[in-house]
Amino acid sequence: MRYRELGRSGVSVSEIGYGTWGIGEAGSGWVGATEDESVRALHRGIDLGVNFLDTARGYGESERIVGRVVRERAGDDVLVATKVGPRNGMWPAPDGLDPAETFPGAHIRESVETSLRATGLDHFDVLQFHVWSDEWVGRGDWLETIAALKQEGKIRLFGVSVNDHEPGNALALVRSGTVDSVQVIYNIFDQSPADALLPACVEHGVGVIVRVALDEGGLTGRITAGTTFPEGDVRARYFRGDRPAQVEERVDAIVADLGIAPDEIAEYALRFVLSSPAVSTVIPGMRSVRNVERNTALSDGRPLTADQLAVLAEHRWQRNFYS
């Protein structure tokens, strides 16, 4: 496993991190995870060098499961990031909201304390807001609360999870110098963070955590025109209507243009993300030991070539699957 610094924080994170939304079982929005397999997969990831686990207050049982594994691996330096959901429960954050409606200090503190109890940990390495709006820069009491939580040792670093497909909505925050990391959707289809956000993060020393690198499964080659998901699974909405057929067509085009085998697309999707020097870590969702072993093997220092990146630049697909 190779490691990169999370911005200028001095914290070293594994290139392949671990997204734990999908392991949360009931209440997470994902169907099919089992705690036993999730625990085995988390342990295997740590065995293979994964040191960054990303969870959230809203991921069902994920925080509890992550805390269980981290406590069992007390001798390993495993970093845990969690998220505070907005008090008003609105995802994504629309324009015009006051930060007192979304992240007032008392709400942030209450969420952190609840998450600490759920995990059984004494601190979090990164605390992230689960939505963000640049309208909140310089407003509200959230920044004072973050500073106090840092001083108390309950969190080490502060970050935000940028609204889906809105990377420009965190530029003012990045330039303000008040954030340590941003989490953003970045993949072969949605390359928009590379336009302005990633360069700004490099300039201002902000770490970049990449989520949805595999497009919720779209960039694995396993989504076809006939793919369906169980009722209640978040992917049923993400891949609703004719979107599975659209994904299959676009993945087939990528495979043909790169001249690779269809089952290699996930590897190239992760290597695409890691080819950016702005990226600190990518956090694919992993719910099995097999997925962990396959994904961690890609942290081998082999970025895509300039020619391959030029090919993939032609496969941007501007859309928002959640709308």
C-alpha atoms as a PDB file:
ATOM      1  CA  MET A   1       0.000   0.000   0.000  1.00  0.00           C
ATOM      2  CA  ARG A   2       1.196   3.484  -0.857  1.00  0.00           C
ATOM      3  CA  TYR A   3       0.353   6.563   1.219  1.00  0.00           C
ATOM      4  CA  ARG A   4      -0.238  10.232   0.511  1.00  0.00           C
ATOM      5  CA  GLU A   5      -0.472  13.273   2.753  1.00  0.00           C
ATOM      6  CA  LEU A   6      -3.971  14.599   3.372  1.00  0.00           C
ATOM      7  CA  GLY A   7      -3.283  18.093   2.081  1.00  0.00           C
ATOM      8  CA  ARG A   8      -0.879  19.877   4.392  1.00  0.00           C
ATOM      9  CA  SER A   9      -2.284  18.278   7.530  1.00  0.00           C
ATOM     10  CA  GLY A  10       0.741  16.105   8.208  1.00  0.00           C
ATOM     11  CA  VAL A  11      -1.590  13.088   8.276  1.00  0.00           C
ATOM     12  CA  SER A  12      -0.657  10.219   5.962  1.00  0.00           C
ATOM     13  CA  VAL A  13      -3.542   8.247   4.436  1.00  0.00           C
ATOM     14  CA  SER A  14      -3.605   5.101   2.335  1.00  0.00           C
ATOM     15  CA  GLU A  15      -4.247   5.719  -1.365  1.00  0.00           C
ATOM     16  CA  ILE A  16      -7.063   3.201  -1.164  1.00  0.00           C
ATOM     17  CA  GLY A  17      -9.317   4.063   1.735  1.00  0.00           C
ATOM     18  CA  TYR A  18     -12.519   2.349   2.769  1.00  0.00           C
ATOM     19  CA  GLY A  19     -15.988   3.738   2.125  1.00  0.00           C
ATOM     20  CA  THR A  20     -18.343   2.179   4.670  1.00  0.00           C
ATOM     21  CA  TRP A  21     -21.769   3.464   3.639  1.00  0.00           C
ATOM     22  CA  GLY A  22     -22.654   0.091   2.139  1.00  0.00           C
ATOM     23  CA  ILE A  23     -21.883  -1.922   5.281  1.00  0.00           C
ATOM     24  CA  GLY A  24     -24.408  -0.095   7.457  1.00  0.00           C
ATOM     25  CA  GLU A  25     -27.202  -2.650   6.973  1.00  0.00           C
ATOM     26  CA  ALA A  26     -30.647  -1.453   8.090  1.00  0.00           C
ATOM     27  CA  GLY A  27     -31.060   2.284   7.653  1.00  0.00           C
ATOM     28  CA  SER A  28     -28.063   2.742   5.369  1.00  0.00           C
ATOM     29  CA  GLY A  29     -29.922   2.723   2.047  1.00  0.00           C
ATOM     30  CA  TRP A  30     -27.979  -0.318   0.806  1.00  0.00           C
ATOM     31  CA  VAL A  31     -29.315  -3.854   0.740  1.00  0.00           C
ATOM     32  CA  GLY A  32     -27.296  -7.056   1.007  1.00  0.00           C
ATOM     33  CA  ALA A  33     -24.531  -6.393   3.520  1.00  0.00           C
ATOM     34  CA  THR A  34     -23.913  -8.688   6.469  1.00  0.00           C
ATOM     35  CA  GLU A  35     -22.010  -7.627   9.556  1.00  0.00           C
ATOM     36  CA  ASP A  36     -19.853 -10.755   9.660  1.00  0.00           C
ATOM     37  CA  GLU A  37     -18.596 -10.301   6.103  1.00  0.00           C
ATOM     38  CA  SER A  38     -18.186  -6.546   6.582  1.00  0.00           C
ATOM     39  CA  VAL A  39     -16.044  -7.112   9.668  1.00  0.00           C
ATOM     40  CA  ARG A  40     -13.898  -9.651   7.830  1.00  0.00           C
ATOM     41  CA  ALA A  41     -13.492  -7.249   4.918  1.00  0.00           C
ATOM     42  CA  LEU A  42     -12.523  -4.348   7.170  1.00  0.00           C
ATOM     43  CA  HIS A  43      -9.922  -6.469   8.941  1.00  0.00           C
ATOM     44  CA  ARG A  44      -8.550  -7.664   5.613  1.00  0.00           C
ATOM     45  CA  GLY A  45      -8.284  -4.088   4.399  1.00  0.00           C
ATOM     46  CA  ILE A  46      -6.286  -3.103   7.461  1.00  0.00           C
ATOM     47  CA  ASP A  47      -4.087  -6.187   6.997  1.00  0.00           C
ATOM     48  CA  LEU A  48      -3.342  -4.932   3.464  1.00  0.00           C
ATOM     49  CA  GLY A  49      -2.450  -1.412   4.590  1.00  0.00           C
ATOM     50  CA  VAL A  50      -5.741   0.485   4.491  1.00  0.00           C
ATOM     51  CA  ASN A  51      -5.550   3.067   7.268  1.00  0.00           C
ATOM     52  CA  PHE A  52      -8.445   5.408   6.383  1.00  0.00           C
ATOM     53  CA  LEU A  53     -12.068   4.446   7.083  1.00  0.00           C
ATOM     54  CA  ASP A  54     -14.883   6.817   6.109  1.00  0.00           C
ATOM     55  CA  THR A  55     -18.254   6.556   7.836  1.00  0.00           C
ATOM     56  CA  ALA A  56     -21.128   8.858   8.856  1.00  0.00           C
ATOM     57  CA  ARG A  57     -23.819   9.377  11.462  1.00  0.00           C
ATOM     58  CA  GLY A  58     -26.407   8.624   8.790  1.00  0.00           C
ATOM     59  CA  TYR A  59     -24.983   5.297   7.565  1.00  0.00           C
ATOM     60  CA  GLY A  60     -27.135   2.940   9.616  1.00  0.00           C
ATOM     61  CA  GLU A  61     -24.937   0.695  11.763  1.00  0.00           C
ATOM     62  CA  SER A  62     -21.731   1.666   9.963  1.00  0.00           C
ATOM     63  CA  GLU A  63     -20.237   3.760  12.780  1.00  0.00           C
ATOM     64  CA  ARG A  64     -20.783   0.973  15.301  1.00  0.00           C
ATOM     65  CA  ILE A  65     -19.227  -1.651  13.017  1.00  0.00           C
ATOM     66  CA  VAL A  66     -16.257   0.571  12.163  1.00  0.00           C
ATOM     67  CA  GLY A  67     -15.695   1.339  15.845  1.00  0.00           C
ATOM     68  CA  ARG A  68     -15.795  -2.355  16.702  1.00  0.00           C
ATOM     69  CA  VAL A  69     -13.087  -3.170  14.156  1.00  0.00           C
ATOM     70  CA  VAL A  70     -10.872  -0.203  15.043  1.00  0.00           C
ATOM     71  CA  ARG A  71     -11.007  -1.129  18.723  1.00  0.00           C
ATOM     72  CA  GLU A  72     -10.088  -4.705  17.830  1.00  0.00           C
ATOM     73  CA  ARG A  73      -7.101  -3.319  15.910  1.00  0.00           C
ATOM     74  CA  ALA A  74      -5.951  -1.027  18.701  1.00  0.00           C
ATOM     75  CA  GLY A  75      -2.303  -1.667  17.831  1.00  0.00           C
ATOM     76  CA  ASP A  76      -2.737  -0.383  14.281  1.00  0.00           C
ATOM     77  CA  ASP A  77      -2.819   3.292  13.355  1.00  0.00           C
ATOM     78  CA  VAL A  78      -6.255   3.324  11.752  1.00  0.00           C
ATOM     79  CA  LEU A  79      -7.788   6.714  10.982  1.00  0.00           C
ATOM     80  CA  VAL A  80     -11.548   7.224  11.153  1.00  0.00           C
ATOM     81  CA  ALA A  81     -13.510   9.976   9.428  1.00  0.00           C
ATOM     82  CA  THR A  82     -17.182  10.525  10.154  1.00  0.00           C
ATOM     83  CA  LYS A  83     -19.819  13.080   9.173  1.00  0.00           C
ATOM     84  CA  VAL A  84     -22.361  15.327  10.813  1.00  0.00           C
ATOM     85  CA  GLY A  85     -25.647  15.450   8.953  1.00  0.00           C
ATOM     86  CA  PRO A  86     -27.447  18.793   8.581  1.00  0.00           C
ATOM     87  CA  ARG A  87     -29.884  19.558  11.373  1.00  0.00           C
ATOM     88  CA  ASN A  88     -32.677  20.261   8.863  1.00  0.00           C
ATOM     89  CA  GLY A  89     -32.107  16.898   7.116  1.00  0.00           C
ATOM     90  CA  MET A  90     -31.840  18.445   3.651  1.00  0.00           C
ATOM     91  CA  TRP A  91     -29.566  16.706   1.110  1.00  0.00           C
ATOM     92  CA  PRO A  92     -28.158  18.461  -0.860  1.00  0.00           C
ATOM     93  CA  ALA A  93     -28.175  21.893   0.714  1.00  0.00           C
ATOM     94  CA  PRO A  94     -30.273  24.292  -1.400  1.00  0.00           C
ATOM     95  CA  ASP A  95     -29.373  27.935  -1.862  1.00  0.00           C
ATOM     96  CA  GLY A  96     -30.500  30.496   0.657  1.00  0.00           C
ATOM     97  CA  LEU A  97     -30.129  28.518   3.893  1.00  0.00           C
ATOM     98  CA  ASP A  98     -28.637  30.072   7.001  1.00  0.00           C
ATOM     99  CA  PRO A  99     -25.940  27.911   8.642  1.00  0.00           C
ATOM    100  CA  ALA A 100     -27.962  28.170  11.853  1.00  0.00           C
ATOM    101  CA  GLU A 101     -30.503  25.926  10.114  1.00  0.00           C
ATOM    102  CA  THR A 102     -27.968  23.323   9.027  1.00  0.00           C
ATOM    103  CA  PHE A 103     -24.897  23.248  11.260  1.00  0.00           C
ATOM    104  CA  PRO A 104     -25.395  25.223  14.463  1.00  0.00           C
ATOM    105  CA  GLY A 105     -22.690  24.597  17.033  1.00  0.00           C
ATOM    106  CA  ALA A 106     -24.910  22.729  19.488  1.00  0.00           C
ATOM    107  CA  HIS A 107     -26.032  20.320  16.760  1.00  0.00           C
ATOM    108  CA  ILE A 108     -22.452  19.649  15.650  1.00  0.00           C
ATOM    109  CA  ARG A 109     -21.348  18.888  19.192  1.00  0.00           C
ATOM    110  CA  GLU A 110     -24.340  16.644  19.894  1.00  0.00           C
ATOM    111  CA  SER A 111     -23.693  14.675  16.683  1.00  0.00           C
ATOM    112  CA  VAL A 112     -20.008  14.208  17.513  1.00  0.00           C
ATOM    113  CA  GLU A 113     -20.803  12.989  21.018  1.00  0.00           C
ATOM    114  CA  THR A 114     -23.381  10.551  19.634  1.00  0.00           C
ATOM    115  CA  SER A 115     -20.887   9.248  17.071  1.00  0.00           C
ATOM    116  CA  LEU A 116     -18.198   8.813  19.720  1.00  0.00           C
ATOM    117  CA  ARG A 117     -20.588   6.728  21.798  1.00  0.00           C
ATOM    118  CA  ALA A 118     -21.625   4.682  18.759  1.00  0.00           C
ATOM    119  CA  THR A 119     -18.032   3.871  17.809  1.00  0.00           C
ATOM    120  CA  GLY A 120     -16.578   3.570  21.288  1.00  0.00           C
ATOM    121  CA  LEU A 121     -13.687   5.788  20.166  1.00  0.00           C
ATOM    122  CA  ASP A 122     -12.274   8.789  21.993  1.00  0.00           C
ATOM    123  CA  HIS A 123     -11.796  10.990  18.918  1.00  0.00           C
ATOM    124  CA  PHE A 124     -12.225  11.196  15.154  1.00  0.00           C
ATOM    125  CA  ASP A 125      -9.352  11.938  12.834  1.00  0.00           C
ATOM    126  CA  VAL A 126     -11.579  13.849  10.403  1.00  0.00           C
ATOM    127  CA  LEU A 127     -15.001  15.338  11.092  1.00  0.00           C
ATOM    128  CA  GLN A 128     -16.907  16.304   7.959  1.00  0.00           C
ATOM    129  CA  PHE A 129     -20.124  18.181   7.302  1.00  0.00           C
ATOM    130  CA  HIS A 130     -22.285  15.884   5.178  1.00  0.00           C
ATOM    131  CA  VAL A 131     -23.451  18.728   2.927  1.00  0.00           C
ATOM    132  CA  TRP A 132     -21.966  22.098   2.147  1.00  0.00           C
ATOM    133  CA  SER A 133     -22.779  25.519   0.719  1.00  0.00           C
ATOM    134  CA  ASP A 134     -20.190  28.217   0.158  1.00  0.00           C
ATOM    135  CA  GLU A 135     -22.814  30.712   1.350  1.00  0.00           C
ATOM    136  CA  TRP A 136     -21.878  29.608   4.894  1.00  0.00           C
ATOM    137  CA  VAL A 137     -18.249  30.769   4.766  1.00  0.00           C
ATOM    138  CA  GLY A 138     -17.766  33.358   7.515  1.00  0.00           C
ATOM    139  CA  ARG A 139     -21.294  32.901   8.901  1.00  0.00           C
ATOM    140  CA  GLY A 140     -22.688  31.050  11.908  1.00  0.00           C
ATOM    141  CA  ASP A 141     -20.945  29.528  14.914  1.00  0.00           C
ATOM    142  CA  TRP A 142     -19.854  26.283  13.253  1.00  0.00           C
ATOM    143  CA  LEU A 143     -16.217  27.348  12.872  1.00  0.00           C
ATOM    144  CA  GLU A 144     -15.883  28.221  16.560  1.00  0.00           C
ATOM    145  CA  THR A 145     -17.378  24.850  17.471  1.00  0.00           C
ATOM    146  CA  ILE A 146     -14.938  23.026  15.174  1.00  0.00           C
ATOM    147  CA  ALA A 147     -12.032  24.903  16.762  1.00  0.00           C
ATOM    148  CA  ALA A 148     -13.270  23.968  20.240  1.00  0.00           C
ATOM    149  CA  LEU A 149     -13.657  20.284  19.324  1.00  0.00           C
ATOM    150  CA  LYS A 150     -10.105  20.283  17.985  1.00  0.00           C
ATOM    151  CA  GLN A 151      -8.797  21.904  21.161  1.00  0.00           C
ATOM    152  CA  GLU A 152     -10.650  19.323  23.253  1.00  0.00           C
ATOM    153  CA  GLY A 153      -9.027  16.503  21.266  1.00  0.00           C
ATOM    154  CA  LYS A 154     -12.325  15.116  20.018  1.00  0.00           C
ATOM    155  CA  ILE A 155     -11.427  15.734  16.373  1.00  0.00           C
ATOM    156  CA  ARG A 156      -8.100  16.237  14.621  1.00  0.00           C
ATOM    157  CA  LEU A 157      -9.127  17.671  11.252  1.00  0.00           C
ATOM    158  CA  PHE A 158     -12.183  19.291   9.682  1.00  0.00           C
ATOM    159  CA  GLY A 159     -13.600  18.630   6.236  1.00  0.00           C
ATOM    160  CA  VAL A 160     -16.761  18.830   4.180  1.00  0.00           C
ATOM    161  CA  SER A 161     -18.472  16.398   1.855  1.00  0.00           C
ATOM    162  CA  VAL A 162     -19.264  18.462  -1.217  1.00  0.00           C
ATOM    163  CA  ASN A 163     -22.801  18.292  -2.636  1.00  0.00           C
ATOM    164  CA  ASP A 164     -23.116  15.687  -5.399  1.00  0.00           C
ATOM    165  CA  HIS A 165     -21.861  17.016  -8.739  1.00  0.00           C
ATOM    166  CA  GLU A 166     -21.317  20.549  -7.364  1.00  0.00           C
ATOM    167  CA  PRO A 167     -17.532  20.804  -6.919  1.00  0.00           C
ATOM    168  CA  GLY A 168     -17.559  24.562  -7.519  1.00  0.00           C
ATOM    169  CA  ASN A 169     -19.644  24.989  -4.375  1.00  0.00           C
ATOM    170  CA  ALA A 170     -16.630  24.463  -2.119  1.00  0.00           C
ATOM    171  CA  LEU A 171     -14.138  26.813  -3.774  1.00  0.00           C
ATOM    172  CA  ALA A 172     -14.686  29.703  -1.364  1.00  0.00           C
ATOM    173  CA  LEU A 173     -14.261  27.371   1.610  1.00  0.00           C
ATOM    174  CA  VAL A 174     -11.034  25.922   0.211  1.00  0.00           C
ATOM    175  CA  ARG A 175      -9.665  29.419  -0.399  1.00  0.00           C
ATOM    176  CA  SER A 176     -10.660  30.541   3.095  1.00  0.00           C
ATOM    177  CA  GLY A 177      -8.024  28.375   4.762  1.00  0.00           C
ATOM    178  CA  THR A 178     -10.508  26.990   7.312  1.00  0.00           C
ATOM    179  CA  VAL A 179     -10.852  23.426   5.983  1.00  0.00           C
ATOM    180  CA  ASP A 180      -8.421  20.509   6.019  1.00  0.00           C
ATOM    181  CA  SER A 181     -10.111  18.249   3.476  1.00  0.00           C
ATOM    182  CA  VAL A 182     -12.938  18.011   0.974  1.00  0.00           C
ATOM    183  CA  GLN A 183     -14.746  14.876  -0.087  1.00  0.00           C
ATOM    184  CA  VAL A 184     -16.008  14.958  -3.652  1.00  0.00           C
ATOM    185  CA  ILE A 185     -17.448  12.782  -6.410  1.00  0.00           C
ATOM    186  CA  TYR A 186     -14.741  12.319  -9.038  1.00  0.00           C
ATOM    187  CA  ASN A 187     -14.690   9.601 -11.658  1.00  0.00           C
ATOM    188  CA  ILE A 188     -14.369   8.959 -15.390  1.00  0.00           C
ATOM    189  CA  PHE A 189     -17.910  10.193 -15.969  1.00  0.00           C
ATOM    190  CA  ASP A 190     -17.835  13.192 -13.620  1.00  0.00           C
ATOM    191  CA  GLN A 191     -14.469  14.846 -14.202  1.00  0.00           C
ATOM    192  CA  SER A 192     -15.687  18.339 -13.245  1.00  0.00           C
ATOM    193  CA  PRO A 193     -13.641  18.578  -9.989  1.00  0.00           C
ATOM    194  CA  ALA A 194     -10.491  18.715 -12.140  1.00  0.00           C
ATOM    195  CA  ASP A 195     -11.629  21.998 -13.684  1.00  0.00           C
ATOM    196  CA  ALA A 196     -11.247  24.198 -10.593  1.00  0.00           C
ATOM    197  CA  LEU A 197     -11.640  22.382  -7.267  1.00  0.00           C
ATOM    198  CA  LEU A 198      -8.663  20.033  -7.472  1.00  0.00           C
ATOM    199  CA  PRO A 199      -6.236  22.804  -8.550  1.00  0.00           C
ATOM    200  CA  ALA A 200      -7.538  25.002  -5.720  1.00  0.00           C
ATOM    201  CA  CYS A 201      -6.984  22.198  -3.210  1.00  0.00           C
ATOM    202  CA  VAL A 202      -3.394  21.799  -4.371  1.00  0.00           C
ATOM    203  CA  GLU A 203      -2.812  25.556  -4.139  1.00  0.00           C
ATOM    204  CA  HIS A 204      -4.245  25.844  -0.632  1.00  0.00           C
ATOM    205  CA  GLY A 205      -3.016  22.543   0.800  1.00  0.00           C
ATOM    206  CA  VAL A 206      -6.426  20.928   1.228  1.00  0.00           C
ATOM    207  CA  GLY A 207      -6.696  17.146   1.146  1.00  0.00           C
ATOM    208  CA  VAL A 208      -9.008  15.473  -1.371  1.00  0.00           C
ATOM    209  CA  ILE A 209     -11.059  12.395  -0.493  1.00  0.00           C
ATOM    210  CA  VAL A 210     -12.705  10.901  -3.589  1.00  0.00           C
ATOM    211  CA  ARG A 211     -16.035   9.106  -3.302  1.00  0.00           C
ATOM    212  CA  VAL A 212     -18.126   7.328  -5.967  1.00  0.00           C
ATOM    213  CA  ALA A 213     -15.013   6.566  -8.020  1.00  0.00           C
ATOM    214  CA  LEU A 214     -16.819   3.526  -9.447  1.00  0.00           C
ATOM    215  CA  ASP A 215     -20.057   5.437 -10.074  1.00  0.00           C
ATOM    216  CA  GLU A 216     -21.962   3.354  -7.502  1.00  0.00           C
ATOM    217  CA  GLY A 217     -21.097   0.275  -9.578  1.00  0.00           C
ATOM    218  CA  GLY A 218     -21.572   1.824 -13.012  1.00  0.00           C
ATOM    219  CA  LEU A 219     -17.837   1.685 -13.695  1.00  0.00           C
ATOM    220  CA  THR A 220     -17.425  -1.956 -12.730  1.00  0.00           C
ATOM    221  CA  GLY A 221     -18.861  -3.415 -15.932  1.00  0.00           C
ATOM    222  CA  ARG A 222     -21.555  -5.221 -13.964  1.00  0.00           C
ATOM    223  CA  ILE A 223     -24.400  -2.789 -14.698  1.00  0.00           C
ATOM    224  CA  THR A 224     -26.250  -3.810 -17.855  1.00  0.00           C
ATOM    225  CA  ALA A 225     -29.577  -2.932 -19.439  1.00  0.00           C
ATOM    226  CA  GLY A 226     -31.286  -5.696 -17.475  1.00  0.00           C
ATOM    227  CA  THR A 227     -29.835  -4.860 -14.055  1.00  0.00           C
ATOM    228  CA  THR A 228     -32.321  -4.275 -11.229  1.00  0.00           C
ATOM    229  CA  PHE A 229     -31.931  -3.705  -7.498  1.00  0.00           C
ATOM    230  CA  PRO A 230     -34.076  -4.643  -4.488  1.00  0.00           C
ATOM    231  CA  GLU A 231     -36.740  -2.274  -3.253  1.00  0.00           C
ATOM    232  CA  GLY A 232     -35.246   0.126  -0.731  1.00  0.00           C
ATOM    233  CA  ASP A 233     -31.744  -0.048  -2.195  1.00  0.00           C
ATOM    234  CA  VAL A 234     -30.369   3.408  -3.039  1.00  0.00           C
ATOM    235  CA  ARG A 235     -29.071   2.054  -6.351  1.00  0.00           C
ATOM    236  CA  ALA A 236     -32.630   1.418  -7.524  1.00  0.00           C
ATOM    237  CA  ARG A 237     -33.027   5.185  -7.713  1.00  0.00           C
ATOM    238  CA  TYR A 238     -29.512   5.850  -8.969  1.00  0.00           C
ATOM    239  CA  PHE A 239     -29.978   3.418 -11.873  1.00  0.00           C
ATOM    240  CA  ARG A 240     -33.651   4.055 -12.525  1.00  0.00           C
ATOM    241  CA  GLY A 241     -35.345   4.160 -15.922  1.00  0.00           C
ATOM    242  CA  ASP A 242     -33.044   3.506 -18.874  1.00  0.00           C
ATOM    243  CA  ARG A 243     -29.894   4.547 -17.033  1.00  0.00           C
ATOM    244  CA  PRO A 244     -28.529   0.985 -16.750  1.00  0.00           C
ATOM    245  CA  ALA A 245     -28.652   0.739 -20.540  1.00  0.00           C
ATOM    246  CA  GLN A 246     -26.970   4.140 -20.878  1.00  0.00           C
ATOM    247  CA  VAL A 247     -24.237   3.060 -18.465  1.00  0.00           C
ATOM    248  CA  GLU A 248     -23.661  -0.197 -20.319  1.00  0.00           C
ATOM    249  CA  GLU A 249     -23.329   1.628 -23.634  1.00  0.00           C
ATOM    250  CA  ARG A 250     -20.870   4.150 -22.241  1.00  0.00           C
ATOM    251  CA  VAL A 251     -18.771   1.548 -20.439  1.00  0.00           C
ATOM    252  CA  ASP A 252     -18.591  -0.518 -23.620  1.00  0.00           C
ATOM    253  CA  ALA A 253     -17.288   2.576 -25.429  1.00  0.00           C
ATOM    254  CA  ILE A 254     -14.603   3.172 -22.775  1.00  0.00           C
ATOM    255  CA  VAL A 255     -13.503  -0.457 -22.954  1.00  0.00           C
ATOM    256  CA  ALA A 256     -13.273  -0.287 -26.738  1.00  0.00           C
ATOM    257  CA  ASP A 257     -11.371   3.013 -26.789  1.00  0.00           C
ATOM    258  CA  LEU A 258      -8.835   1.826 -24.190  1.00  0.00           C
ATOM    259  CA  GLY A 259      -8.509  -1.598 -25.771  1.00  0.00           C
ATOM    260  CA  ILE A 260      -8.993  -3.403 -22.469  1.00  0.00           C
ATOM    261  CA  ALA A 261     -11.007  -6.408 -21.344  1.00  0.00           C
ATOM    262  CA  PRO A 262     -14.490  -5.613 -19.980  1.00  0.00           C
ATOM    263  CA  ASP A 263     -13.603  -6.908 -16.516  1.00  0.00           C
ATOM    264  CA  GLU A 264     -10.707  -4.414 -16.282  1.00  0.00           C
ATOM    265  CA  ILE A 265     -12.877  -1.300 -16.257  1.00  0.00           C
ATOM    266  CA  ALA A 266     -12.990  -1.017 -12.428  1.00  0.00           C
ATOM    267  CA  GLU A 267      -9.191  -1.117 -12.282  1.00  0.00           C
ATOM    268  CA  TYR A 268      -8.897   1.670 -14.830  1.00  0.00           C
ATOM    269  CA  ALA A 269     -11.577   3.713 -13.059  1.00  0.00           C
ATOM    270  CA  LEU A 270      -9.611   3.649  -9.798  1.00  0.00           C
ATOM    271  CA  ARG A 271      -6.300   4.268 -11.543  1.00  0.00           C
ATOM    272  CA  PHE A 272      -7.905   7.278 -13.246  1.00  0.00           C
ATOM    273  CA  VAL A 273      -8.632   8.830  -9.852  1.00  0.00           C
ATOM    274  CA  LEU A 274      -5.202   7.994  -8.420  1.00  0.00           C
ATOM    275  CA  SER A 275      -3.517   9.507 -11.474  1.00  0.00           C
ATOM    276  CA  SER A 276      -4.355  12.957 -10.089  1.00  0.00           C
ATOM    277  CA  PRO A 277      -1.661  14.247  -7.701  1.00  0.00           C
ATOM    278  CA  ALA A 278      -4.353  16.356  -6.013  1.00  0.00           C
ATOM    279  CA  VAL A 279      -6.106  13.240  -4.708  1.00  0.00           C
ATOM    280  CA  SER A 280      -5.127  12.082  -1.229  1.00  0.00           C
ATOM    281  CA  THR A 281      -7.247   8.921  -1.056  1.00  0.00           C
ATOM    282  CA  VAL A 282     -10.087   7.205  -2.877  1.00  0.00           C
ATOM    283  CA  ILE A 283     -12.728   5.450  -0.775  1.00  0.00           C
ATOM    284  CA  PRO A 284     -14.537   2.794  -2.829  1.00  0.00           C
ATOM    285  CA  GLY A 285     -17.370   1.065  -1.056  1.00  0.00           C
ATOM    286  CA  MET A 286     -16.285  -2.477  -0.208  1.00  0.00           C
ATOM    287  CA  ARG A 287     -18.508  -5.141   1.335  1.00  0.00           C
ATOM    288  CA  SER A 288     -16.478  -8.307   0.765  1.00  0.00           C
ATOM    289  CA  VAL A 289     -12.954  -9.584   1.243  1.00  0.00           C
ATOM    290  CA  ARG A 290     -12.749 -10.148  -2.513  1.00  0.00           C
ATOM    291  CA  ASN A 291     -13.503  -6.476  -3.231  1.00  0.00           C
ATOM    292  CA  VAL A 292     -10.923  -5.372  -0.677  1.00  0.00           C
ATOM    293  CA  GLU A 293      -8.177  -7.555  -2.151  1.00  0.00           C
ATOM    294  CA  ARG A 294      -8.954  -6.469  -5.707  1.00  0.00           C
ATOM    295  CA  ASN A 295      -9.030  -2.736  -4.940  1.00  0.00           C
ATOM    296  CA  THR A 296      -6.039  -2.532  -2.595  1.00  0.00           C
ATOM    297  CA  ALA A 297      -3.863  -4.286  -5.175  1.00  0.00           C
ATOM    298  CA  LEU A 298      -4.137  -1.157  -7.348  1.00  0.00           C
ATOM    299  CA  SER A 299      -2.030   0.915  -4.945  1.00  0.00           C
ATOM    300  CA  ASP A 300       1.124  -0.013  -6.814  1.00  0.00           C
ATOM    301  CA  GLY A 301       2.401   3.321  -8.113  1.00  0.00           C
ATOM    302  CA  ARG A 302       1.266   2.745 -11.705  1.00  0.00           C
ATOM    303  CA  PRO A 303      -0.834   5.729 -12.828  1.00  0.00           C
ATOM    304  CA  LEU A 304      -2.469   5.775 -16.223  1.00  0.00           C
ATOM    305  CA  THR A 305      -0.413   7.057 -19.136  1.00  0.00           C
ATOM    306  CA  ALA A 306      -0.962  10.467 -20.721  1.00  0.00           C
ATOM    307  CA  ASP A 307      -2.473   8.749 -23.764  1.00  0.00           C
ATOM    308  CA  GLN A 308      -4.906   6.761 -21.610  1.00  0.00           C
ATOM    309  CA  LEU A 309      -5.927   9.871 -19.694  1.00  0.00           C
ATOM    310  CA  ALA A 310      -6.487  11.690 -22.990  1.00  0.00           C
ATOM    311  CA  VAL A 311      -8.809   8.898 -24.101  1.00  0.00           C
ATOM    312  CA  LEU A 312     -10.757   9.030 -20.853  1.00  0.00           C
ATOM    313  CA  ALA A 313     -11.081  12.814 -21.044  1.00  0.00           C
ATOM    314  CA  GLU A 314     -13.440  12.235 -23.970  1.00  0.00           C
ATOM    315  CA  HIS A 315     -15.813  10.178 -21.823  1.00  0.00           C
ATOM    316  CA  ARG A 316     -17.095  12.891 -19.492  1.00  0.00           C
ATOM    317  CA  TRP A 317     -20.813  12.466 -18.916  1.00  0.00           C
ATOM    318  CA  GLN A 318     -22.448  15.480 -17.340  1.00  0.00           C
ATOM    319  CA  ARG A 319     -25.522  14.335 -15.440  1.00  0.00           C
ATOM    320  CA  ASN A 320     -26.898  14.031 -11.942  1.00  0.00           C
ATOM    321  CA  PHE A 321     -28.285  10.594 -11.198  1.00  0.00           C
ATOM    322  CA  TYR A 322     -29.960  11.842  -8.010  1.00  0.00           C
ATOM    323  CA  SER A 323     -32.266  14.325  -9.727  1.00  0.00           C
END
